[in-house]
Amino acid sequence: MALTPLDPSRCIELIGDGAVLIDLRDSAAFGEGHPPRAINVRYDDRHLGERVALIVGGVPRVLLLAVEPAQLENAANQLAAATFDVVGVASDSSAEWADSGSPWVALPSIVTGDLADGPEQPQYHVLDVREPMEWAVGHVPGAQLIALGDVHRRVAEVPDDRDVAIICEAGVRSSSAASVLQAAGLTRLVNVADGTAGWRTAGRPMQTTNEAVSD
């Protein structure tokens, strides 16, 4: 499908009118810098429509940002097939965004070793965005559970008065969740790059539960 390049000023207007900017880059690139209110959904050559729908809900209009032209075209086709209205392609130049008055923002990352600071006075509130069954069989002790697909509607349940470390299994879903929270206005966020897998591999204690998990 034909894709319309949009300058940052036009992107900002569309986002203000309810469109969502989907940043298709990987979590490391997204973390280094991205347009304000961008949502990080890593490119997938087959299941992108499902993932975007899960993460942002029923938003009808989307903008895309990616580095690879082939990814943009495939992503646009997938999203159109999933009934999203792809209204254009955002500039991937941070300088252009800065010139438009909307400089890129970062999403800091940490590793699980930074969470191992003792339960008495933990530095971070840990938010686990995996699925309930994943969380039940083993999670960082004391972690709050909000599955990725629920984050956009449960933002109010995430503390905004302390540092929040978002964790999944390997740092990809957590980047998406963090971007949703960041777009909603939360600022004290970090992505746990090595995820629960890193915590587990290091032999740190895991909390489990046999109780039913509910919303």
Protein backbone atom coordinates (compact mmCIF):
# COMPACT_ATOMS: atom_id res chain seq x y z
CA MET A 1 0.00 0.00 0.00
CA ALA A 2 1.08 3.60 -0.55
CA LEU A 3 2.61 5.22 2.53
CA THR A 4 2.59 8.96 3.14
CA PRO A 5 5.70 10.48 4.78
CA LEU A 6 4.69 12.90 7.52
CA ASP A 7 6.78 15.58 9.17
CA PRO A 8 6.86 15.71 12.97
CA SER A 9 4.46 18.66 13.17
CA ARG A 10 1.78 16.73 11.29
CA CYS A 11 2.44 13.63 13.40
CA ILE A 12 1.95 15.66 16.56
CA GLU A 13 -1.37 16.96 15.23
CA LEU A 14 -2.58 13.45 14.41
CA ILE A 15 -1.51 12.08 17.78
CA GLY A 16 -3.39 14.94 19.43
CA ASP A 17 -6.46 13.86 17.46
CA GLY A 18 -6.22 10.30 18.76
CA ALA A 19 -3.88 8.49 16.37
CA VAL A 20 -1.18 6.26 17.85
CA LEU A 21 2.43 6.30 16.72
CA ILE A 22 3.76 2.74 16.56
CA ASP A 23 7.55 2.56 16.79
CA LEU A 24 8.59 -0.73 15.18
CA ARG A 25 12.22 -0.64 16.25
CA ASP A 26 13.70 -3.00 18.81
CA SER A 27 13.59 -2.19 22.50
CA ALA A 28 17.23 -1.07 22.66
CA ALA A 29 16.80 1.49 19.88
CA PHE A 30 13.50 2.64 21.35
CA GLY A 31 15.07 3.02 24.76
CA GLU A 32 17.83 5.25 23.43
CA GLY A 33 15.28 7.70 22.06
CA HIS A 34 11.83 7.92 20.49
CA PRO A 35 9.16 10.49 19.69
CA PRO A 36 6.95 11.56 22.59
CA ARG A 37 3.95 9.25 23.15
CA ALA A 38 5.28 6.60 20.75
CA ILE A 39 4.30 3.01 21.51
CA ASN A 40 7.01 0.40 21.04
CA VAL A 41 5.75 -2.70 19.21
CA ARG A 42 8.72 -4.56 17.77
CA TYR A 43 8.34 -5.47 14.12
CA ASP A 44 6.90 -8.91 13.41
CA ASP A 45 6.50 -10.16 9.86
CA ARG A 46 3.32 -12.15 10.57
CA HIS A 47 1.54 -11.22 13.81
CA LEU A 48 1.90 -7.47 14.04
CA GLY A 49 -1.80 -6.69 13.78
CA GLU A 50 -2.59 -8.94 16.72
CA ARG A 51 0.18 -7.42 18.82
CA VAL A 52 -0.78 -3.83 18.12
CA ALA A 53 -4.44 -4.60 18.92
CA LEU A 54 -3.38 -6.25 22.18
CA ILE A 55 -1.17 -3.36 23.26
CA VAL A 56 -3.19 -0.30 22.25
CA GLY A 57 -6.72 -1.67 22.18
CA GLY A 58 -9.28 -0.45 19.66
CA VAL A 59 -7.43 2.59 18.33
CA PRO A 60 -8.41 2.89 14.65
CA ARG A 61 -5.65 5.15 13.28
CA VAL A 62 -1.92 4.53 13.48
CA LEU A 63 1.32 6.11 12.33
CA LEU A 64 4.41 4.00 11.78
CA LEU A 65 8.08 4.59 12.51
CA ALA A 66 10.79 2.20 11.36
CA VAL A 67 14.24 2.29 9.81
CA GLU A 68 13.78 -0.41 7.16
CA PRO A 69 11.44 0.48 4.23
CA ALA A 70 10.54 -3.19 3.71
CA GLN A 71 9.39 -3.40 7.31
CA LEU A 72 7.20 -0.35 6.88
CA GLU A 73 5.44 -1.75 3.84
CA ASN A 74 4.85 -5.16 5.39
CA ALA A 75 3.75 -3.61 8.68
CA ALA A 76 1.30 -1.31 6.92
CA ASN A 77 -0.21 -4.21 4.98
CA GLN A 78 -0.60 -6.30 8.12
CA LEU A 79 -2.24 -3.48 10.04
CA ALA A 80 -4.56 -2.60 7.18
CA ALA A 81 -5.64 -6.24 7.06
CA ALA A 82 -6.37 -5.99 10.79
CA THR A 83 -8.67 -3.00 10.08
CA PHE A 84 -6.27 -0.31 11.30
CA ASP A 85 -6.14 2.90 9.28
CA VAL A 86 -2.44 3.54 8.58
CA VAL A 87 -2.37 7.29 8.07
CA GLY A 88 1.33 7.76 7.38
CA VAL A 89 4.98 7.23 8.21
CA ALA A 90 6.70 9.34 10.85
CA SER A 91 10.15 10.79 10.39
CA ASP A 92 12.89 8.75 12.08
CA SER A 93 15.09 11.85 12.43
CA SER A 94 15.40 12.97 16.04
CA ALA A 95 16.74 16.31 14.79
CA GLU A 96 13.54 16.97 12.83
CA TRP A 97 11.43 16.23 15.89
CA ALA A 98 13.56 18.54 18.01
CA ASP A 99 13.19 21.30 15.44
CA SER A 100 9.42 20.86 15.67
CA GLY A 101 9.50 21.40 19.42
CA SER A 102 9.03 17.76 20.37
CA PRO A 103 12.46 16.34 21.18
CA TRP A 104 12.77 12.60 21.51
CA VAL A 105 12.61 11.04 24.95
CA ALA A 106 14.43 8.01 26.35
CA LEU A 107 13.35 4.91 28.23
CA PRO A 108 16.15 3.93 30.61
CA SER A 109 16.99 0.26 31.06
CA ILE A 110 18.48 -1.76 33.89
CA VAL A 111 19.36 -5.42 34.41
CA THR A 112 17.93 -7.74 37.02
CA GLY A 113 21.01 -7.39 39.18
CA ASP A 114 19.88 -3.83 39.85
CA LEU A 115 16.69 -5.19 41.41
CA ALA A 116 18.49 -7.38 43.94
CA ASP A 117 18.62 -4.71 46.62
CA GLY A 118 16.78 -6.44 49.46
CA PRO A 119 13.07 -6.62 50.27
CA GLU A 120 13.18 -4.22 53.23
CA GLN A 121 13.76 -1.06 51.19
CA PRO A 122 13.54 -1.98 47.51
CA GLN A 123 14.59 0.74 45.11
CA TYR A 124 12.01 -0.23 42.50
CA HIS A 125 8.38 -1.16 42.38
CA VAL A 126 8.45 -4.15 40.01
CA LEU A 127 5.66 -4.47 37.45
CA ASP A 128 5.47 -7.86 35.72
CA VAL A 129 3.61 -7.70 32.39
CA ARG A 130 3.71 -11.39 31.47
CA GLU A 131 0.60 -13.55 31.37
CA PRO A 132 -0.94 -14.71 34.68
CA MET A 133 0.20 -18.31 34.23
CA GLU A 134 3.79 -17.19 33.63
CA TRP A 135 3.66 -15.01 36.74
CA ALA A 136 2.17 -17.79 38.86
CA VAL A 137 4.98 -20.26 38.19
CA GLY A 138 7.71 -17.79 39.12
CA HIS A 139 8.22 -14.03 39.45
CA VAL A 140 10.42 -11.50 41.18
CA PRO A 141 9.26 -11.47 44.82
CA GLY A 142 6.69 -8.79 45.47
CA ALA A 143 6.12 -7.96 41.80
CA GLN A 144 2.78 -6.53 40.74
CA LEU A 145 1.06 -8.34 37.87
CA ILE A 146 -0.66 -6.52 35.02
CA ALA A 147 -0.56 -8.47 31.77
CA LEU A 148 0.60 -6.50 28.73
CA GLY A 149 -2.83 -6.48 27.11
CA ASP A 150 -4.34 -4.87 30.22
CA VAL A 151 -1.77 -2.14 30.79
CA HIS A 152 -3.48 0.49 28.60
CA ARG A 153 -6.67 0.28 30.69
CA ARG A 154 -5.02 -0.12 34.13
CA VAL A 155 -2.53 2.74 34.09
CA ALA A 156 -4.03 4.17 37.27
CA GLU A 157 -2.93 1.06 39.18
CA VAL A 158 0.75 1.74 38.53
CA PRO A 159 2.48 3.94 41.14
CA ASP A 160 3.52 7.36 39.88
CA ASP A 161 5.36 8.40 43.03
CA ARG A 162 8.29 5.98 42.86
CA ASP A 163 10.58 4.27 40.38
CA VAL A 164 8.85 1.45 38.50
CA ALA A 165 10.81 -1.37 36.85
CA ILE A 166 8.79 -3.10 34.13
CA ILE A 167 9.72 -6.72 33.53
CA CYS A 168 8.61 -9.53 31.22
CA GLU A 169 10.54 -12.65 30.19
CA ALA A 170 13.22 -11.04 28.02
CA GLY A 171 12.71 -7.28 27.79
CA VAL A 172 10.47 -7.02 24.71
CA ARG A 173 6.93 -6.98 26.13
CA SER A 174 8.15 -4.86 29.01
CA SER A 175 9.38 -2.20 26.57
CA SER A 176 5.92 -2.13 24.99
CA ALA A 177 4.26 -1.84 28.40
CA ALA A 178 6.66 0.88 29.50
CA SER A 179 5.93 2.85 26.34
CA VAL A 180 2.19 2.70 27.07
CA LEU A 181 2.77 4.00 30.58
CA GLN A 182 5.17 6.65 29.35
CA ALA A 183 2.65 7.82 26.73
CA ALA A 184 0.08 8.09 29.53
CA GLY A 185 2.32 10.50 31.43
CA LEU A 186 4.32 8.34 33.85
CA THR A 187 7.97 9.30 33.98
CA ARG A 188 9.72 7.21 36.64
CA LEU A 189 10.02 4.09 34.49
CA VAL A 190 12.81 1.68 33.56
CA ASN A 191 12.77 -1.39 31.35
CA VAL A 192 14.40 -4.55 32.72
CA ALA A 193 16.43 -5.60 29.69
CA ASP A 194 17.24 -9.20 30.64
CA GLY A 195 13.80 -9.89 32.08
CA THR A 196 12.66 -12.65 34.38
CA ALA A 197 14.89 -15.03 32.44
CA GLY A 198 17.89 -13.07 33.66
CA TRP A 199 16.63 -13.15 37.24
CA ARG A 200 16.07 -16.91 36.99
CA THR A 201 19.40 -17.65 35.31
CA ALA A 202 21.25 -15.80 38.07
CA GLY A 203 19.71 -18.17 40.61
CA ARG A 204 17.83 -15.48 42.49
CA PRO A 205 14.76 -16.48 44.52
CA MET A 206 11.45 -16.73 42.69
CA GLN A 207 8.03 -16.27 44.23
CA THR A 208 5.29 -18.65 43.06
CA THR A 209 1.59 -18.92 43.70
CA ASN A 210 -1.01 -21.65 43.35
CA GLU A 211 -3.84 -19.21 43.84
CA ALA A 212 -6.12 -18.17 40.99
CA VAL A 213 -5.02 -14.92 39.41
CA SER A 214 -7.73 -12.41 38.55
CA ASP A 215 -7.95 -8.86 37.23
